[in-house]
């Protein structure tokens, strides 16, 4: 876990919002097609297109944001056909939280 990359990824309001939305996708993405239910895929996830729609930014901008969050380790992705679904990497988020509690 590279904390510098994580903090860079978290330094943008929209990227922070994406992480918040993905914490409770059922609450933030009301379309049934927006996210994979845990029945279909044990890990779940939200489709990029639905994140783009909710954020109100271009697909290229959201793709860059998602890539940055994924490179920092905060997101995981899974491809299903032509769609990519993103979910939070709770392990890394917990590690970051524990590290902050200990070090700061």
N, C-alpha and C. Protein backbone atom coordinates (compact mmCIF):
# COMPACT_ATOMS: atom_id res chain seq x y z
N UNK A 1 0.84 -1.18 0.00
CA UNK A 1 0.00 0.00 0.00
C UNK A 1 0.89 1.24 0.00
N UNK A 2 0.77 2.03 -1.05
CA UNK A 2 1.53 3.27 -1.15
C UNK A 2 0.62 4.43 -0.73
N UNK A 3 0.85 4.94 0.47
CA UNK A 3 -0.02 5.98 1.01
C UNK A 3 0.00 7.25 0.16
N UNK A 4 1.12 7.58 -0.45
CA UNK A 4 1.19 8.79 -1.27
C UNK A 4 0.22 8.67 -2.45
N UNK A 5 0.22 7.53 -3.14
CA UNK A 5 -0.72 7.31 -4.25
C UNK A 5 -2.16 7.35 -3.78
N UNK A 6 -2.41 6.79 -2.60
CA UNK A 6 -3.76 6.79 -2.05
C UNK A 6 -4.21 8.22 -1.77
N UNK A 7 -3.35 9.00 -1.12
CA UNK A 7 -3.74 10.38 -0.78
C UNK A 7 -3.89 11.24 -2.03
N UNK A 8 -3.09 10.99 -3.05
CA UNK A 8 -3.28 11.71 -4.32
C UNK A 8 -4.65 11.36 -4.91
N UNK A 9 -4.99 10.08 -4.88
CA UNK A 9 -6.28 9.65 -5.43
C UNK A 9 -7.44 10.26 -4.63
N UNK A 10 -7.25 10.44 -3.34
CA UNK A 10 -8.30 10.97 -2.48
C UNK A 10 -8.38 12.50 -2.50
N UNK A 11 -7.47 13.14 -3.21
CA UNK A 11 -7.39 14.61 -3.18
C UNK A 11 -8.36 15.29 -4.13
N UNK A 12 -9.30 14.54 -4.68
CA UNK A 12 -10.27 15.09 -5.62
C UNK A 12 -11.67 14.76 -5.10
N UNK A 13 -12.53 15.76 -5.07
CA UNK A 13 -13.87 15.59 -4.51
C UNK A 13 -14.68 14.51 -5.22
N UNK A 14 -14.61 14.46 -6.53
CA UNK A 14 -15.38 13.45 -7.27
C UNK A 14 -14.87 12.05 -6.99
N UNK A 15 -13.55 11.88 -6.90
CA UNK A 15 -13.01 10.55 -6.58
C UNK A 15 -13.46 10.11 -5.18
N UNK A 16 -13.49 11.05 -4.24
CA UNK A 16 -13.99 10.74 -2.90
C UNK A 16 -15.46 10.34 -2.96
N UNK A 17 -16.24 11.08 -3.75
CA UNK A 17 -17.66 10.76 -3.90
C UNK A 17 -17.85 9.36 -4.48
N UNK A 18 -17.05 9.01 -5.47
CA UNK A 18 -17.15 7.68 -6.07
C UNK A 18 -16.94 6.61 -5.01
N UNK A 19 -15.94 6.79 -4.16
CA UNK A 19 -15.71 5.82 -3.08
C UNK A 19 -16.90 5.76 -2.13
N UNK A 20 -17.50 6.90 -1.83
CA UNK A 20 -18.68 6.92 -0.96
C UNK A 20 -19.84 6.21 -1.63
N UNK A 21 -20.06 6.49 -2.92
CA UNK A 21 -21.16 5.84 -3.64
C UNK A 21 -20.99 4.33 -3.66
N UNK A 22 -19.75 3.89 -3.87
CA UNK A 22 -19.50 2.45 -3.98
C UNK A 22 -19.56 1.74 -2.63
N UNK A 23 -19.54 2.52 -1.55
CA UNK A 23 -19.69 1.91 -0.23
C UNK A 23 -21.11 1.36 -0.06
N UNK A 24 -22.09 2.08 -0.61
CA UNK A 24 -23.49 1.67 -0.53
C UNK A 24 -24.15 1.81 -1.91
N UNK A 25 -23.78 0.94 -2.85
CA UNK A 25 -24.27 1.10 -4.22
C UNK A 25 -25.80 1.03 -4.34
N UNK A 26 -26.45 0.23 -3.51
CA UNK A 26 -27.91 0.10 -3.59
C UNK A 26 -28.58 1.43 -3.27
N UNK A 27 -27.96 2.22 -2.42
CA UNK A 27 -28.51 3.52 -2.00
C UNK A 27 -28.27 4.60 -3.07
N UNK A 28 -27.11 4.54 -3.75
CA UNK A 28 -26.71 5.62 -4.66
C UNK A 28 -27.00 5.34 -6.13
N UNK A 29 -27.21 4.09 -6.49
CA UNK A 29 -27.49 3.72 -7.88
C UNK A 29 -28.81 2.95 -7.89
N UNK A 30 -29.89 3.66 -8.20
CA UNK A 30 -31.21 3.07 -8.05
C UNK A 30 -31.66 2.19 -9.22
N UNK A 31 -30.95 2.27 -10.35
CA UNK A 31 -31.33 1.42 -11.49
C UNK A 31 -30.87 -0.01 -11.21
N UNK A 32 -31.74 -0.99 -11.44
CA UNK A 32 -31.34 -2.38 -11.20
C UNK A 32 -30.13 -2.80 -12.05
N UNK A 33 -29.97 -2.18 -13.22
CA UNK A 33 -28.85 -2.56 -14.09
C UNK A 33 -27.55 -1.90 -13.67
N UNK A 34 -27.60 -0.98 -12.72
CA UNK A 34 -26.40 -0.21 -12.36
C UNK A 34 -25.35 -1.05 -11.66
N UNK A 35 -25.81 -2.01 -10.87
CA UNK A 35 -24.83 -2.78 -10.12
C UNK A 35 -25.17 -4.26 -10.14
N UNK A 36 -24.11 -5.05 -10.02
CA UNK A 36 -24.30 -6.49 -9.93
C UNK A 36 -24.73 -6.81 -8.51
N UNK A 37 -25.81 -7.52 -8.39
CA UNK A 37 -26.23 -7.91 -7.05
C UNK A 37 -25.27 -8.96 -6.52
N UNK A 38 -25.24 -9.10 -5.24
CA UNK A 38 -24.36 -10.10 -4.64
C UNK A 38 -24.77 -11.52 -5.03
N UNK A 39 -26.01 -11.70 -5.49
CA UNK A 39 -26.44 -13.02 -5.95
C UNK A 39 -25.77 -13.38 -7.27
N UNK A 40 -25.63 -12.38 -8.17
CA UNK A 40 -25.01 -12.64 -9.46
C UNK A 40 -23.50 -12.77 -9.33
N UNK A 41 -22.95 -12.01 -8.44
CA UNK A 41 -21.49 -11.96 -8.29
C UNK A 41 -21.23 -11.68 -6.83
N UNK A 42 -20.62 -12.59 -6.15
CA UNK A 42 -20.42 -12.49 -4.70
C UNK A 42 -19.83 -11.16 -4.27
N UNK A 43 -19.00 -10.56 -5.12
CA UNK A 43 -18.31 -9.33 -4.74
C UNK A 43 -19.08 -8.06 -5.10
N UNK A 44 -20.03 -8.15 -6.01
CA UNK A 44 -20.79 -6.98 -6.42
C UNK A 44 -19.97 -6.04 -7.28
N UNK A 45 -20.53 -4.87 -7.59
CA UNK A 45 -19.84 -3.88 -8.40
C UNK A 45 -20.82 -2.98 -9.12
N UNK A 46 -20.35 -1.81 -9.55
CA UNK A 46 -21.18 -0.83 -10.26
C UNK A 46 -20.58 -0.58 -11.63
N UNK A 47 -21.43 -0.53 -12.64
CA UNK A 47 -21.01 -0.33 -14.02
C UNK A 47 -20.46 1.08 -14.23
N UNK A 48 -19.40 1.19 -15.01
CA UNK A 48 -18.77 2.49 -15.30
C UNK A 48 -19.79 3.49 -15.83
N UNK A 49 -20.64 3.07 -16.74
CA UNK A 49 -21.61 3.98 -17.33
C UNK A 49 -22.51 4.63 -16.29
N UNK A 50 -22.86 3.88 -15.27
CA UNK A 50 -23.73 4.43 -14.23
C UNK A 50 -22.97 5.39 -13.32
N UNK A 51 -21.69 5.15 -13.13
CA UNK A 51 -20.86 6.08 -12.37
C UNK A 51 -20.72 7.38 -13.15
N UNK A 52 -20.51 7.26 -14.47
CA UNK A 52 -20.42 8.44 -15.35
C UNK A 52 -21.71 9.25 -15.25
N UNK A 53 -22.85 8.58 -15.35
CA UNK A 53 -24.14 9.26 -15.31
C UNK A 53 -24.34 9.99 -13.97
N UNK A 54 -24.02 9.34 -12.87
CA UNK A 54 -24.22 9.94 -11.55
C UNK A 54 -23.27 11.12 -11.34
N UNK A 55 -22.05 11.00 -11.80
CA UNK A 55 -21.05 12.07 -11.60
C UNK A 55 -21.31 13.27 -12.50
N UNK A 56 -21.93 13.03 -13.64
CA UNK A 56 -22.20 14.13 -14.57
C UNK A 56 -20.95 14.65 -15.27
N UNK A 57 -19.94 13.81 -15.37
CA UNK A 57 -18.71 14.17 -16.06
C UNK A 57 -18.53 13.26 -17.26
N UNK A 58 -17.56 13.57 -18.11
CA UNK A 58 -17.34 12.75 -19.31
C UNK A 58 -16.84 11.36 -18.94
N UNK A 59 -17.08 10.43 -19.85
CA UNK A 59 -16.62 9.07 -19.61
C UNK A 59 -15.10 9.02 -19.49
N UNK A 60 -14.40 9.81 -20.30
CA UNK A 60 -12.93 9.78 -20.24
C UNK A 60 -12.43 10.28 -18.89
N UNK A 61 -13.07 11.31 -18.34
CA UNK A 61 -12.66 11.82 -17.03
C UNK A 61 -12.91 10.78 -15.95
N UNK A 62 -14.10 10.18 -15.94
CA UNK A 62 -14.41 9.16 -14.94
C UNK A 62 -13.50 7.95 -15.10
N UNK A 63 -13.21 7.57 -16.33
CA UNK A 63 -12.28 6.44 -16.54
C UNK A 63 -10.91 6.74 -15.95
N UNK A 64 -10.44 7.98 -16.13
CA UNK A 64 -9.15 8.37 -15.53
C UNK A 64 -9.23 8.31 -14.01
N UNK A 65 -10.33 8.78 -13.45
CA UNK A 65 -10.50 8.75 -12.00
C UNK A 65 -10.53 7.31 -11.48
N UNK A 66 -11.28 6.45 -12.16
CA UNK A 66 -11.37 5.06 -11.73
C UNK A 66 -10.02 4.36 -11.84
N UNK A 67 -9.28 4.66 -12.89
CA UNK A 67 -7.95 4.08 -13.06
C UNK A 67 -7.03 4.53 -11.93
N UNK A 68 -7.09 5.80 -11.58
CA UNK A 68 -6.25 6.32 -10.50
C UNK A 68 -6.60 5.65 -9.16
N UNK A 69 -7.89 5.52 -8.90
CA UNK A 69 -8.33 4.87 -7.66
C UNK A 69 -7.92 3.40 -7.65
N UNK A 70 -7.97 2.76 -8.81
CA UNK A 70 -7.59 1.36 -8.89
C UNK A 70 -6.08 1.19 -8.71
N UNK A 71 -5.29 2.06 -9.35
CA UNK A 71 -3.83 1.98 -9.20
C UNK A 71 -3.40 2.23 -7.76
N UNK A 72 -4.16 3.05 -7.04
CA UNK A 72 -3.87 3.30 -5.63
C UNK A 72 -4.29 2.12 -4.76
N UNK A 73 -5.04 1.20 -5.36
CA UNK A 73 -5.47 0.02 -4.62
C UNK A 73 -6.83 0.16 -3.96
N UNK A 74 -7.49 1.30 -4.15
CA UNK A 74 -8.76 1.56 -3.47
C UNK A 74 -9.96 0.91 -4.16
N UNK A 75 -9.81 0.57 -5.44
CA UNK A 75 -10.88 -0.07 -6.20
C UNK A 75 -10.40 -1.35 -6.84
N UNK A 76 -11.35 -2.23 -7.09
CA UNK A 76 -11.13 -3.44 -7.87
C UNK A 76 -12.13 -3.39 -9.03
N UNK A 77 -11.78 -4.03 -10.12
CA UNK A 77 -12.71 -4.06 -11.25
C UNK A 77 -12.88 -5.48 -11.75
N UNK A 78 -14.01 -5.68 -12.40
CA UNK A 78 -14.31 -6.98 -12.99
C UNK A 78 -15.08 -6.74 -14.28
N UNK A 79 -14.66 -7.43 -15.31
CA UNK A 79 -15.28 -7.26 -16.62
C UNK A 79 -16.32 -8.36 -16.83
N UNK A 80 -17.50 -7.94 -17.30
CA UNK A 80 -18.57 -8.87 -17.67
C UNK A 80 -19.02 -8.49 -19.06
N UNK A 81 -18.60 -9.25 -20.07
CA UNK A 81 -18.91 -8.91 -21.45
C UNK A 81 -18.24 -7.60 -21.81
N UNK A 82 -19.03 -6.65 -22.29
CA UNK A 82 -18.46 -5.35 -22.68
C UNK A 82 -18.47 -4.34 -21.53
N UNK A 83 -18.99 -4.73 -20.37
CA UNK A 83 -19.10 -3.80 -19.24
C UNK A 83 -18.07 -4.11 -18.17
N UNK A 84 -17.55 -3.04 -17.58
CA UNK A 84 -16.63 -3.17 -16.45
C UNK A 84 -17.34 -2.66 -15.21
N UNK A 85 -17.25 -3.43 -14.15
CA UNK A 85 -17.88 -3.09 -12.88
C UNK A 85 -16.79 -2.83 -11.85
N UNK A 86 -17.00 -1.79 -11.04
CA UNK A 86 -16.03 -1.41 -10.01
C UNK A 86 -16.65 -1.58 -8.63
N UNK A 87 -15.80 -1.94 -7.69
CA UNK A 87 -16.17 -2.04 -6.28
C UNK A 87 -14.99 -1.60 -5.44
N UNK A 88 -15.26 -1.24 -4.21
CA UNK A 88 -14.21 -0.82 -3.29
C UNK A 88 -13.35 -2.01 -2.88
N UNK A 89 -12.08 -1.75 -2.66
CA UNK A 89 -11.17 -2.76 -2.11
C UNK A 89 -11.15 -2.53 -0.60
N UNK A 90 -12.06 -3.19 0.08
CA UNK A 90 -12.23 -2.97 1.52
C UNK A 90 -10.98 -3.34 2.32
N UNK A 91 -10.22 -4.30 1.85
CA UNK A 91 -9.00 -4.69 2.55
C UNK A 91 -8.02 -3.53 2.62
N UNK A 92 -7.77 -2.88 1.50
CA UNK A 92 -6.85 -1.73 1.46
C UNK A 92 -7.40 -0.56 2.26
N UNK A 93 -8.69 -0.32 2.15
CA UNK A 93 -9.30 0.79 2.89
C UNK A 93 -9.15 0.56 4.40
N UNK A 94 -9.35 -0.66 4.86
CA UNK A 94 -9.17 -0.98 6.29
C UNK A 94 -7.71 -0.84 6.70
N UNK A 95 -6.79 -1.30 5.84
CA UNK A 95 -5.36 -1.16 6.14
C UNK A 95 -4.98 0.31 6.27
N UNK A 96 -5.49 1.14 5.37
CA UNK A 96 -5.22 2.57 5.42
C UNK A 96 -5.75 3.16 6.73
N UNK A 97 -6.98 2.83 7.06
CA UNK A 97 -7.61 3.33 8.28
C UNK A 97 -6.78 2.94 9.51
N UNK A 98 -6.39 1.67 9.59
CA UNK A 98 -5.60 1.20 10.73
C UNK A 98 -4.24 1.89 10.79
N UNK A 99 -3.63 2.07 9.64
CA UNK A 99 -2.33 2.75 9.57
C UNK A 99 -2.45 4.19 10.07
N UNK A 100 -3.50 4.87 9.64
CA UNK A 100 -3.71 6.26 10.08
C UNK A 100 -3.93 6.34 11.58
N UNK A 101 -4.69 5.41 12.11
CA UNK A 101 -4.96 5.40 13.56
C UNK A 101 -3.67 5.20 14.35
N UNK A 102 -2.78 4.38 13.84
CA UNK A 102 -1.53 4.07 14.54
C UNK A 102 -0.50 5.17 14.39
N UNK A 103 -0.39 5.73 13.19
CA UNK A 103 0.69 6.66 12.90
C UNK A 103 0.37 8.11 13.21
N UNK A 104 -0.89 8.51 13.12
CA UNK A 104 -1.24 9.92 13.32
C UNK A 104 -1.94 10.15 14.64
